[in-house]
Structure formats: C-alpha cells, structure tokens
N, C-alpha and C. Protein backbone atom coordinates (compact mmCIF):
# COMPACT_ATOMS: atom_id res chain seq x y z
N MET A 1 45.50 2.08 109.20
CA MET A 1 44.13 2.42 109.00
C MET A 1 43.23 1.42 109.79
N ARG A 2 43.58 0.12 109.72
CA ARG A 2 42.79 -0.91 110.39
C ARG A 2 42.82 -0.66 111.90
N GLU A 3 44.00 -0.26 112.37
CA GLU A 3 44.15 0.02 113.80
C GLU A 3 43.29 1.20 114.22
N TRP A 4 43.17 2.13 113.35
CA TRP A 4 42.40 3.33 113.65
C TRP A 4 40.88 2.95 113.79
N PHE A 5 40.39 2.13 112.87
CA PHE A 5 38.97 1.77 112.93
C PHE A 5 38.69 0.91 114.14
N ALA A 6 39.68 0.16 114.60
CA ALA A 6 39.49 -0.72 115.77
C ALA A 6 39.59 0.06 117.08
N ALA A 7 40.13 1.24 117.01
CA ALA A 7 40.37 2.02 118.19
C ALA A 7 39.08 2.58 118.79
N ARG A 8 39.25 3.11 120.01
CA ARG A 8 38.12 3.68 120.68
C ARG A 8 37.62 5.00 120.01
N ASN A 9 38.42 5.55 119.15
CA ASN A 9 38.04 6.83 118.51
C ASN A 9 37.03 6.67 117.37
N ARG A 10 36.71 5.46 117.04
CA ARG A 10 35.77 5.23 115.93
C ARG A 10 34.42 5.90 116.30
N GLY A 11 33.97 5.72 117.54
CA GLY A 11 32.71 6.35 117.94
C GLY A 11 32.79 7.86 117.94
N LEU A 12 33.98 8.40 118.31
CA LEU A 12 34.19 9.78 118.30
C LEU A 12 34.15 10.33 116.86
N PHE A 13 34.77 9.60 115.97
CA PHE A 13 34.76 9.98 114.57
C PHE A 13 33.35 10.05 114.02
N ILE A 14 32.59 8.96 114.24
CA ILE A 14 31.26 8.90 113.71
C ILE A 14 30.35 9.98 114.31
N ARG A 15 30.48 10.14 115.62
CA ARG A 15 29.66 11.16 116.30
C ARG A 15 30.04 12.57 115.83
N SER A 16 31.35 12.87 115.70
CA SER A 16 31.77 14.18 115.24
C SER A 16 31.35 14.41 113.83
N TYR A 17 31.48 13.38 113.01
CA TYR A 17 31.08 13.50 111.60
C TYR A 17 29.56 13.76 111.49
N LEU A 18 28.79 13.06 112.27
CA LEU A 18 27.35 13.21 112.21
C LEU A 18 26.98 14.63 112.64
N PHE A 19 27.57 15.17 113.71
CA PHE A 19 27.23 16.49 114.18
C PHE A 19 27.67 17.55 113.14
N LEU A 20 28.90 17.45 112.66
CA LEU A 20 29.38 18.46 111.71
C LEU A 20 28.64 18.34 110.37
N ALA A 21 28.57 17.19 109.82
CA ALA A 21 27.90 17.02 108.52
C ALA A 21 26.41 17.28 108.64
N GLY A 22 25.80 16.83 109.73
CA GLY A 22 24.40 17.08 109.90
C GLY A 22 24.08 18.56 110.04
N GLY A 23 24.92 19.25 110.83
CA GLY A 23 24.73 20.70 111.01
C GLY A 23 24.90 21.45 109.67
N LEU A 24 25.93 21.09 108.94
CA LEU A 24 26.14 21.71 107.62
C LEU A 24 25.01 21.41 106.66
N LEU A 25 24.52 20.17 106.71
CA LEU A 25 23.41 19.77 105.81
C LEU A 25 22.13 20.51 106.18
N ILE A 26 21.85 20.64 107.47
CA ILE A 26 20.63 21.37 107.91
C ILE A 26 20.75 22.82 107.52
N ALA A 27 21.93 23.41 107.74
CA ALA A 27 22.13 24.83 107.37
C ALA A 27 21.95 24.99 105.85
N ALA A 28 22.51 24.08 105.06
CA ALA A 28 22.38 24.22 103.61
C ALA A 28 20.93 24.05 103.13
N ILE A 29 20.24 23.10 103.73
CA ILE A 29 18.83 22.89 103.33
C ILE A 29 17.98 24.12 103.77
N LEU A 30 18.21 24.65 104.94
CA LEU A 30 17.43 25.85 105.38
C LEU A 30 17.73 27.05 104.48
N LEU A 31 19.02 27.23 104.13
CA LEU A 31 19.37 28.34 103.23
C LEU A 31 18.69 28.14 101.87
N ASP A 32 18.73 26.88 101.38
CA ASP A 32 18.14 26.58 100.08
C ASP A 32 16.62 26.85 100.09
N LEU A 33 15.97 26.39 101.15
CA LEU A 33 14.50 26.64 101.25
C LEU A 33 14.22 28.15 101.43
N GLY A 34 15.02 28.80 102.22
CA GLY A 34 14.81 30.25 102.44
C GLY A 34 14.98 31.06 101.17
N PHE A 35 16.06 30.80 100.42
CA PHE A 35 16.29 31.54 99.20
C PHE A 35 15.25 31.11 98.16
N GLY A 36 14.82 29.87 98.12
CA GLY A 36 13.80 29.45 97.20
C GLY A 36 12.48 30.13 97.45
N ALA A 37 12.09 30.28 98.69
CA ALA A 37 10.88 30.98 99.05
C ALA A 37 10.97 32.45 98.71
N PHE A 38 12.14 33.05 98.98
CA PHE A 38 12.36 34.46 98.68
C PHE A 38 12.28 34.72 97.17
N GLN A 39 12.83 33.85 96.35
CA GLN A 39 12.83 34.05 94.90
C GLN A 39 11.40 33.82 94.37
N SER A 40 10.66 32.93 94.93
CA SER A 40 9.29 32.70 94.38
C SER A 40 8.37 33.83 94.70
N ARG A 41 8.66 34.61 95.78
CA ARG A 41 7.81 35.71 96.12
C ARG A 41 8.06 36.97 95.29
N GLN A 42 9.22 37.04 94.67
CA GLN A 42 9.56 38.23 93.87
C GLN A 42 8.69 38.25 92.63
N ALA A 43 8.18 39.39 92.29
CA ALA A 43 7.37 39.55 91.08
C ALA A 43 8.31 39.52 89.87
N ARG A 44 7.95 38.66 88.93
CA ARG A 44 8.77 38.60 87.71
C ARG A 44 8.29 39.66 86.75
N ALA A 45 9.26 40.24 86.09
CA ALA A 45 8.90 41.25 85.07
C ALA A 45 8.36 40.49 83.84
N ALA A 46 7.51 41.15 83.09
CA ALA A 46 6.92 40.53 81.92
C ALA A 46 7.97 40.28 80.88
N ASP A 47 7.88 39.16 80.21
CA ASP A 47 8.84 38.78 79.17
C ASP A 47 8.71 39.80 78.03
N PRO A 48 9.81 40.42 77.60
CA PRO A 48 9.71 41.39 76.48
C PRO A 48 9.14 40.76 75.18
N TRP A 49 9.53 39.53 74.90
CA TRP A 49 8.96 38.83 73.72
C TRP A 49 7.46 38.75 73.80
N LEU A 50 6.96 38.39 74.99
CA LEU A 50 5.52 38.22 75.17
C LEU A 50 4.80 39.55 75.03
N VAL A 51 5.35 40.58 75.64
CA VAL A 51 4.70 41.91 75.54
C VAL A 51 4.70 42.38 74.08
N SER A 52 5.81 42.24 73.38
CA SER A 52 5.87 42.71 72.00
C SER A 52 4.96 41.88 71.10
N THR A 53 4.83 40.59 71.38
CA THR A 53 3.89 39.73 70.63
C THR A 53 2.46 40.18 70.80
N PHE A 54 2.11 40.45 72.08
CA PHE A 54 0.76 40.93 72.35
C PHE A 54 0.48 42.29 71.69
N LEU A 55 1.46 43.19 71.72
CA LEU A 55 1.28 44.49 71.09
C LEU A 55 1.06 44.36 69.59
N LEU A 56 1.85 43.47 68.96
CA LEU A 56 1.66 43.22 67.54
C LEU A 56 0.30 42.59 67.22
N LEU A 57 -0.08 41.65 68.02
CA LEU A 57 -1.41 41.00 67.85
C LEU A 57 -2.52 42.03 68.05
N GLU A 58 -2.35 42.89 69.04
CA GLU A 58 -3.37 43.90 69.31
C GLU A 58 -3.47 44.88 68.14
N SER A 59 -2.35 45.27 67.56
CA SER A 59 -2.41 46.18 66.41
C SER A 59 -3.05 45.51 65.21
N GLU A 60 -2.80 44.24 64.99
CA GLU A 60 -3.42 43.52 63.86
C GLU A 60 -4.93 43.35 64.07
N LEU A 61 -5.29 43.00 65.30
CA LEU A 61 -6.73 42.78 65.57
C LEU A 61 -7.51 44.13 65.58
N ALA A 62 -6.83 45.23 65.90
CA ALA A 62 -7.51 46.53 65.92
C ALA A 62 -7.90 46.96 64.49
N LYS A 63 -7.19 46.43 63.55
CA LYS A 63 -7.51 46.76 62.11
C LYS A 63 -8.82 46.10 61.63
N ALA A 64 -9.18 45.00 62.30
CA ALA A 64 -10.39 44.26 61.91
C ALA A 64 -11.59 44.83 62.59
N GLN A 65 -12.77 44.63 62.01
CA GLN A 65 -14.03 45.05 62.59
C GLN A 65 -14.28 44.26 63.85
N PRO A 66 -14.98 44.80 64.87
CA PRO A 66 -15.20 44.07 66.12
C PRO A 66 -15.86 42.71 65.93
N ALA A 67 -16.72 42.54 64.96
CA ALA A 67 -17.41 41.28 64.72
C ALA A 67 -16.44 40.25 64.08
N GLU A 68 -15.40 40.71 63.45
CA GLU A 68 -14.49 39.82 62.70
C GLU A 68 -13.19 39.54 63.48
N ARG A 69 -13.07 40.03 64.70
CA ARG A 69 -11.80 39.85 65.47
C ARG A 69 -11.54 38.42 65.80
N ALA A 70 -12.50 37.63 66.13
CA ALA A 70 -12.31 36.20 66.45
C ALA A 70 -11.80 35.46 65.22
N ALA A 71 -12.34 35.75 64.06
CA ALA A 71 -11.91 35.10 62.85
C ALA A 71 -10.50 35.63 62.45
N THR A 72 -10.23 36.85 62.69
CA THR A 72 -8.87 37.41 62.40
C THR A 72 -7.87 36.72 63.33
N ALA A 73 -8.23 36.55 64.58
CA ALA A 73 -7.34 35.86 65.52
C ALA A 73 -7.07 34.44 65.11
N ALA A 74 -8.10 33.75 64.55
CA ALA A 74 -7.89 32.37 64.07
C ALA A 74 -6.96 32.40 62.86
N GLY A 75 -7.09 33.36 61.99
CA GLY A 75 -6.19 33.42 60.84
C GLY A 75 -4.75 33.71 61.28
N LEU A 76 -4.57 34.62 62.25
CA LEU A 76 -3.25 34.88 62.78
C LEU A 76 -2.65 33.64 63.46
N SER A 77 -3.51 32.88 64.14
CA SER A 77 -3.09 31.63 64.77
C SER A 77 -2.52 30.66 63.74
N ARG A 78 -3.19 30.48 62.63
CA ARG A 78 -2.75 29.59 61.56
C ARG A 78 -1.44 30.10 60.96
N GLY A 79 -1.40 31.41 60.73
CA GLY A 79 -0.19 32.01 60.08
C GLY A 79 1.06 31.99 60.92
N LEU A 80 0.88 32.19 62.22
CA LEU A 80 2.01 32.31 63.12
C LEU A 80 2.43 31.00 63.78
N GLY A 81 1.50 30.05 63.79
CA GLY A 81 1.77 28.78 64.45
C GLY A 81 1.61 28.89 65.98
N LEU A 82 0.96 29.93 66.44
CA LEU A 82 0.66 30.12 67.84
C LEU A 82 -0.83 30.02 68.03
N ASP A 83 -1.28 29.55 69.17
CA ASP A 83 -2.71 29.52 69.45
C ASP A 83 -3.13 30.92 69.94
N VAL A 84 -3.76 31.64 69.07
CA VAL A 84 -4.27 33.03 69.40
C VAL A 84 -5.78 33.03 69.42
N HIS A 85 -6.34 33.58 70.50
CA HIS A 85 -7.80 33.66 70.62
C HIS A 85 -8.15 35.06 71.09
N PHE A 86 -9.20 35.59 70.52
CA PHE A 86 -9.72 36.90 70.95
C PHE A 86 -10.99 36.62 71.78
N LEU A 87 -11.03 37.24 72.98
CA LEU A 87 -12.16 37.08 73.87
C LEU A 87 -12.85 38.45 74.03
N ASP A 88 -14.15 38.51 73.75
CA ASP A 88 -14.91 39.76 73.96
C ASP A 88 -14.97 40.04 75.46
N ALA A 89 -15.26 41.32 75.78
CA ALA A 89 -15.36 41.70 77.20
C ALA A 89 -16.48 40.92 77.93
N GLY A 90 -17.53 40.51 77.20
CA GLY A 90 -18.58 39.70 77.77
C GLY A 90 -18.17 38.29 78.11
N GLU A 91 -17.09 37.80 77.51
CA GLU A 91 -16.65 36.42 77.74
C GLU A 91 -15.67 36.35 78.93
N ILE A 92 -15.29 37.49 79.48
CA ILE A 92 -14.24 37.54 80.49
C ILE A 92 -14.88 37.88 81.82
N THR A 93 -14.53 37.11 82.81
CA THR A 93 -14.94 37.46 84.20
C THR A 93 -13.70 37.43 85.08
N GLY A 94 -13.55 38.45 85.85
CA GLY A 94 -12.44 38.49 86.83
C GLY A 94 -11.09 38.67 86.25
N LEU A 95 -10.95 39.33 85.16
CA LEU A 95 -9.61 39.60 84.59
C LEU A 95 -9.06 40.78 85.35
N ALA A 96 -8.06 40.53 86.17
CA ALA A 96 -7.52 41.55 87.05
C ALA A 96 -6.12 42.02 86.67
N THR A 97 -5.84 42.02 85.39
CA THR A 97 -4.49 42.46 84.96
C THR A 97 -4.55 43.96 84.64
N ALA A 98 -3.43 44.54 84.83
CA ALA A 98 -3.30 45.97 84.47
C ALA A 98 -3.11 45.99 82.95
N ALA A 99 -3.43 47.18 82.40
CA ALA A 99 -3.27 47.31 80.97
C ALA A 99 -1.78 47.18 80.66
N ASN A 100 -1.49 46.61 79.51
CA ASN A 100 -0.10 46.40 79.02
C ASN A 100 0.71 45.50 79.94
N ALA A 101 0.02 44.58 80.60
CA ALA A 101 0.75 43.56 81.43
C ALA A 101 0.08 42.21 81.22
N PRO A 102 0.81 41.24 80.70
CA PRO A 102 0.23 39.92 80.48
C PRO A 102 0.01 39.19 81.81
N GLN A 103 -1.02 38.38 81.81
CA GLN A 103 -1.31 37.53 83.00
C GLN A 103 -1.09 36.09 82.63
N GLU A 104 -0.39 35.41 83.49
CA GLU A 104 -0.09 33.98 83.23
C GLU A 104 -1.14 33.13 83.95
N LEU A 105 -1.77 32.21 83.22
CA LEU A 105 -2.78 31.31 83.75
C LEU A 105 -2.37 29.90 83.51
N GLU A 106 -2.77 29.02 84.39
CA GLU A 106 -2.45 27.56 84.20
C GLU A 106 -3.77 26.79 84.25
N ASP A 107 -3.96 25.90 83.26
CA ASP A 107 -5.18 25.09 83.24
C ASP A 107 -4.97 23.83 84.05
N ASP A 108 -6.05 22.98 84.11
CA ASP A 108 -5.98 21.75 84.87
C ASP A 108 -4.94 20.74 84.36
N ALA A 109 -4.63 20.81 83.08
CA ALA A 109 -3.63 19.92 82.50
C ALA A 109 -2.17 20.39 82.71
N GLY A 110 -2.03 21.55 83.35
CA GLY A 110 -0.69 22.07 83.58
C GLY A 110 -0.14 22.94 82.45
N HIS A 111 -0.97 23.19 81.46
CA HIS A 111 -0.50 24.06 80.37
C HIS A 111 -0.62 25.53 80.73
N THR A 112 0.25 26.33 80.21
CA THR A 112 0.25 27.79 80.50
C THR A 112 -0.44 28.55 79.38
N HIS A 113 -1.26 29.52 79.79
CA HIS A 113 -1.92 30.42 78.85
C HIS A 113 -1.53 31.85 79.29
N TYR A 114 -1.44 32.74 78.34
CA TYR A 114 -1.17 34.15 78.62
C TYR A 114 -2.35 35.01 78.17
N LEU A 115 -2.78 35.88 79.01
CA LEU A 115 -3.93 36.75 78.75
C LEU A 115 -3.50 38.21 78.78
N TRP A 116 -3.99 38.95 77.79
CA TRP A 116 -3.64 40.36 77.65
C TRP A 116 -4.90 41.15 77.51
N ARG A 117 -5.18 42.00 78.49
CA ARG A 117 -6.40 42.88 78.46
C ARG A 117 -6.09 44.05 77.54
N SER A 118 -7.01 44.31 76.61
CA SER A 118 -6.83 45.38 75.66
C SER A 118 -8.03 46.34 75.72
N ALA A 119 -7.75 47.57 76.11
CA ALA A 119 -8.78 48.57 76.13
C ALA A 119 -9.15 48.99 74.68
N VAL A 120 -8.17 48.94 73.80
CA VAL A 120 -8.39 49.31 72.40
C VAL A 120 -9.39 48.35 71.75
N LEU A 121 -9.25 47.03 72.08
CA LEU A 121 -10.10 46.03 71.43
C LEU A 121 -11.39 45.84 72.18
N GLY A 122 -11.45 46.23 73.44
CA GLY A 122 -12.64 45.92 74.26
C GLY A 122 -12.73 44.50 74.66
N GLY A 123 -11.66 43.87 74.89
CA GLY A 123 -11.63 42.45 75.26
C GLY A 123 -10.21 42.05 75.68
N ALA A 124 -9.92 40.81 75.40
CA ALA A 124 -8.59 40.28 75.78
C ALA A 124 -8.10 39.30 74.69
N ILE A 125 -6.80 39.19 74.61
CA ILE A 125 -6.18 38.26 73.71
C ILE A 125 -5.57 37.15 74.55
N ARG A 126 -5.82 35.94 74.15
CA ARG A 126 -5.24 34.75 74.87
C ARG A 126 -4.28 34.04 73.95
N LEU A 127 -3.05 33.80 74.46
CA LEU A 127 -2.05 32.96 73.76
C LEU A 127 -1.90 31.69 74.52
N GLY A 128 -1.88 30.60 73.85
CA GLY A 128 -1.62 29.35 74.48
C GLY A 128 -2.67 28.32 74.13
N PRO A 129 -2.52 27.16 74.51
CA PRO A 129 -1.73 26.63 75.65
C PRO A 129 -0.26 26.35 75.22
N PHE A 130 0.63 26.56 76.15
CA PHE A 130 2.03 26.15 76.02
C PHE A 130 2.38 25.09 77.03
N MET A 131 3.22 24.19 76.61
CA MET A 131 3.64 23.14 77.53
C MET A 131 4.57 23.76 78.56
N PRO A 132 4.47 23.37 79.83
CA PRO A 132 5.33 23.91 80.86
C PRO A 132 6.78 23.43 80.61
N PRO A 133 7.79 24.23 81.00
CA PRO A 133 9.15 23.81 80.80
C PRO A 133 9.44 22.61 81.75
N ARG A 134 10.21 21.68 81.25
CA ARG A 134 10.57 20.52 82.07
C ARG A 134 12.00 20.60 82.53
N GLU A 135 12.22 20.32 83.80
CA GLU A 135 13.59 20.27 84.36
C GLU A 135 14.16 18.94 84.03
N SER A 136 15.40 18.93 83.60
CA SER A 136 16.05 17.67 83.35
C SER A 136 16.49 17.04 84.65
N LEU A 137 16.72 15.75 84.56
CA LEU A 137 17.17 15.02 85.77
C LEU A 137 18.49 15.54 86.25
N ALA A 138 19.37 15.92 85.33
CA ALA A 138 20.72 16.48 85.72
C ALA A 138 20.57 17.73 86.58
N VAL A 139 19.64 18.62 86.18
CA VAL A 139 19.46 19.88 86.93
C VAL A 139 18.93 19.55 88.33
N ARG A 140 18.09 18.56 88.47
CA ARG A 140 17.59 18.20 89.80
C ARG A 140 18.64 17.51 90.63
N PHE A 141 19.65 16.88 89.99
CA PHE A 141 20.67 16.13 90.71
C PHE A 141 21.80 17.03 91.24
N VAL A 142 21.98 18.24 90.67
CA VAL A 142 23.05 19.11 91.07
C VAL A 142 23.03 19.46 92.56
N PRO A 143 21.87 19.85 93.17
CA PRO A 143 21.89 20.12 94.60
C PRO A 143 22.27 18.90 95.42
N VAL A 144 21.81 17.73 95.03
CA VAL A 144 22.15 16.52 95.75
C VAL A 144 23.67 16.27 95.69
N LEU A 145 24.29 16.50 94.51
CA LEU A 145 25.73 16.39 94.39
C LEU A 145 26.46 17.41 95.29
N PHE A 146 25.90 18.59 95.36
CA PHE A 146 26.49 19.62 96.21
C PHE A 146 26.50 19.21 97.68
N TYR A 147 25.34 18.76 98.15
CA TYR A 147 25.26 18.30 99.52
C TYR A 147 26.11 17.10 99.82
N ALA A 148 26.23 16.19 98.89
CA ALA A 148 27.06 15.01 99.05
C ALA A 148 28.55 15.39 99.10
N SER A 149 28.91 16.42 98.32
CA SER A 149 30.29 16.86 98.36
C SER A 149 30.63 17.53 99.74
N ILE A 150 29.65 18.20 100.31
CA ILE A 150 29.87 18.78 101.66
C ILE A 150 30.11 17.63 102.66
N LEU A 151 29.29 16.58 102.61
CA LEU A 151 29.48 15.47 103.49
C LEU A 151 30.82 14.83 103.33
N ALA A 152 31.27 14.62 102.09
CA ALA A 152 32.56 14.01 101.82
C ALA A 152 33.73 14.90 102.34
N ILE A 153 33.62 16.21 102.09
CA ILE A 153 34.69 17.11 102.56
C ILE A 153 34.76 17.13 104.07
N VAL A 154 33.63 17.12 104.78
CA VAL A 154 33.67 17.09 106.25
C VAL A 154 34.32 15.80 106.70
N GLY A 155 33.99 14.68 106.08
CA GLY A 155 34.58 13.38 106.47
C GLY A 155 36.10 13.38 106.24
N LEU A 156 36.56 13.92 105.10
CA LEU A 156 38.00 14.00 104.87
C LEU A 156 38.68 14.99 105.80
N TRP A 157 38.01 16.00 106.21
CA TRP A 157 38.55 16.99 107.08
C TRP A 157 38.69 16.44 108.50
N LEU A 158 37.83 15.57 108.92
CA LEU A 158 37.89 14.97 110.26
C LEU A 158 39.01 13.98 110.46
N ARG A 159 39.36 13.25 109.43
CA ARG A 159 40.37 12.20 109.59
C ARG A 159 41.69 12.73 110.18
N PRO A 160 42.29 13.75 109.64
CA PRO A 160 43.55 14.26 110.24
C PRO A 160 43.40 14.76 111.66
N LEU A 161 42.27 15.41 111.91
CA LEU A 161 42.02 15.88 113.30
C LEU A 161 41.96 14.75 114.28
N LEU A 162 41.26 13.69 113.92
CA LEU A 162 41.13 12.56 114.82
C LEU A 162 42.46 11.77 114.94
N ARG A 163 43.24 11.78 113.88
CA ARG A 163 44.56 11.11 113.95
C ARG A 163 45.45 11.84 115.00
N ASP A 164 45.41 13.20 114.93
CA ASP A 164 46.19 13.98 115.96
C ASP A 164 45.64 13.74 117.31
N LEU A 165 44.33 13.64 117.44
CA LEU A 165 43.71 13.38 118.73
C LEU A 165 44.12 12.03 119.26
N SER A 166 44.24 11.06 118.38
CA SER A 166 44.67 9.70 118.79
C SER A 166 46.10 9.71 119.29
N VAL A 167 46.99 10.49 118.59
CA VAL A 167 48.40 10.60 119.05
C VAL A 167 48.45 11.23 120.38
N LEU A 168 47.69 12.30 120.62
CA LEU A 168 47.67 12.97 121.91
C LEU A 168 47.11 12.07 123.00
N THR A 169 46.08 11.30 122.67
CA THR A 169 45.48 10.39 123.63
C THR A 169 46.51 9.33 124.08
N ARG A 170 47.19 8.71 123.10
CA ARG A 170 48.21 7.71 123.44
C ARG A 170 49.35 8.27 124.31
N ALA A 171 49.77 9.49 123.90
CA ALA A 171 50.84 10.15 124.71
C ALA A 171 50.42 10.45 126.12
N SER A 172 49.15 10.91 126.27
CA SER A 172 48.70 11.24 127.64
C SER A 172 48.50 9.97 128.45
N GLN A 173 48.13 8.85 127.81
CA GLN A 173 48.00 7.58 128.50
C GLN A 173 49.35 7.08 129.00
N LYS A 174 50.36 7.25 128.14
CA LYS A 174 51.71 6.87 128.46
C LYS A 174 52.21 7.71 129.68
N PHE A 175 51.93 9.02 129.60
CA PHE A 175 52.38 9.93 130.63
C PHE A 175 51.65 9.58 131.92
N ALA A 176 50.36 9.25 131.89
CA ALA A 176 49.64 8.92 133.07
C ALA A 176 50.18 7.62 133.70
N GLY A 177 50.66 6.71 132.87
CA GLY A 177 51.21 5.46 133.39
C GLY A 177 52.57 5.65 134.04
N ASP A 178 53.39 6.47 133.46
CA ASP A 178 54.75 6.76 134.05
C ASP A 178 55.12 8.16 133.65
N TYR A 179 54.94 9.08 134.54
CA TYR A 179 55.13 10.47 134.26
C TYR A 179 56.61 10.85 134.01
N ARG A 180 57.57 9.90 134.33
CA ARG A 180 58.97 10.16 134.10
C ARG A 180 59.35 9.93 132.65
N GLU A 181 58.54 9.19 131.92
CA GLU A 181 58.84 8.89 130.54
C GLU A 181 58.57 10.14 129.68
N PRO A 182 59.51 10.51 128.77
CA PRO A 182 59.24 11.69 127.92
C PRO A 182 58.15 11.46 126.95
N LEU A 183 57.40 12.49 126.64
CA LEU A 183 56.29 12.39 125.71
C LEU A 183 56.77 12.52 124.27
N ASP A 184 56.20 11.69 123.40
CA ASP A 184 56.49 11.82 121.97
C ASP A 184 55.18 12.11 121.21
N THR A 185 54.93 13.37 120.96
CA THR A 185 53.68 13.76 120.28
C THR A 185 53.87 14.03 118.81
N ALA A 186 55.11 13.91 118.31
CA ALA A 186 55.33 14.10 116.86
C ALA A 186 54.99 12.83 116.14
N ALA A 187 54.10 13.00 115.14
CA ALA A 187 53.72 11.80 114.39
C ALA A 187 54.17 11.87 112.94
C-alpha cells in the first residue's frame, strides 16, 4: 500500500477519483434539484381531513343566525381545541379559492392558516394558526449520507483498477527495457 501511494499513479488516482466522483456528485445534485422543482410545482390535493373539518364547521355555522356566526365559531374553537374564525364577506378581500377547496396561507411568523370560502355562509371560515412541520436533523442528513456513500464507492472501485494499471505499466516498462524478457502481467 505504501509503495502504491509513493508511485507515480497517485496523481492518476486522485485525478480519476475527482473526475468520476465529481461527475457523479454533479449528476446527483442536478437530479435532486430537478426532481425537487418538479415536485414543488405539482398541485397538491386538498387534505381529506381538512375538507371534512371545513364541511362540518360549515354545517354547524349554517345553523346559527348570520349575526351570531362569529360567536358560534368562537364556541366551536373552545370546544374543539382548534382556532376557528368566521369572516364575513365584507372582511375578505382577494379570496381566490374555488368553492369546496381550502386555501393555505402563511403569515409573517411562518404559521399556516387555512381558509374556506362558503357560499352557504356568505363568508369564509379560517382555521389556524398552525405551527409549520419541522424537519428533523436526521432527515436533512440522509441526502448527505447518500452522496458521501457515492464518493466512497467510487474511491473503492478505483483502487483495483489502478492496481491493474500499475501492473500493466511495470510490465510495459520492463518490456520496453528488454523486449526479449517475457511479460508477467498476472498479479
């Protein structure tokens, strides 16, 4: 092993490793970014739990008089443990959701709110704020481990190839020095 590191092939090993590992790493990163961008552009379907919750809240608020809907929403909020607010049509500007489709909003603090436009109620129901989901450090470390394993595999894959190259180089140097000497390429 010591002889191998001292040999002239050390530069070849490092250069080959950098080209192969670098190429694989660049390809992996580009694929990761490409698929990440593709997935973020896809429209997510509404969560069935969220839709059913809004439908239940809408049916409960429809039972109340229009003037009492905000108070009924506050009562539901206390009973359910969810932040439920009823917004009159006059309190809403620019609500561009389709009927029966919740809209996800994010405030300045990073909390998520869900808004449901209701033609039956003549306004909208707001759920939230909810804390955004947090990624654990382990989940963030998995891609790094994957790329590091690619680099290690490429390094381990190059060693036998360069050992064979070293044997062939020594044999060709011997042959160049004295072409009558038989070649020994078996290692």
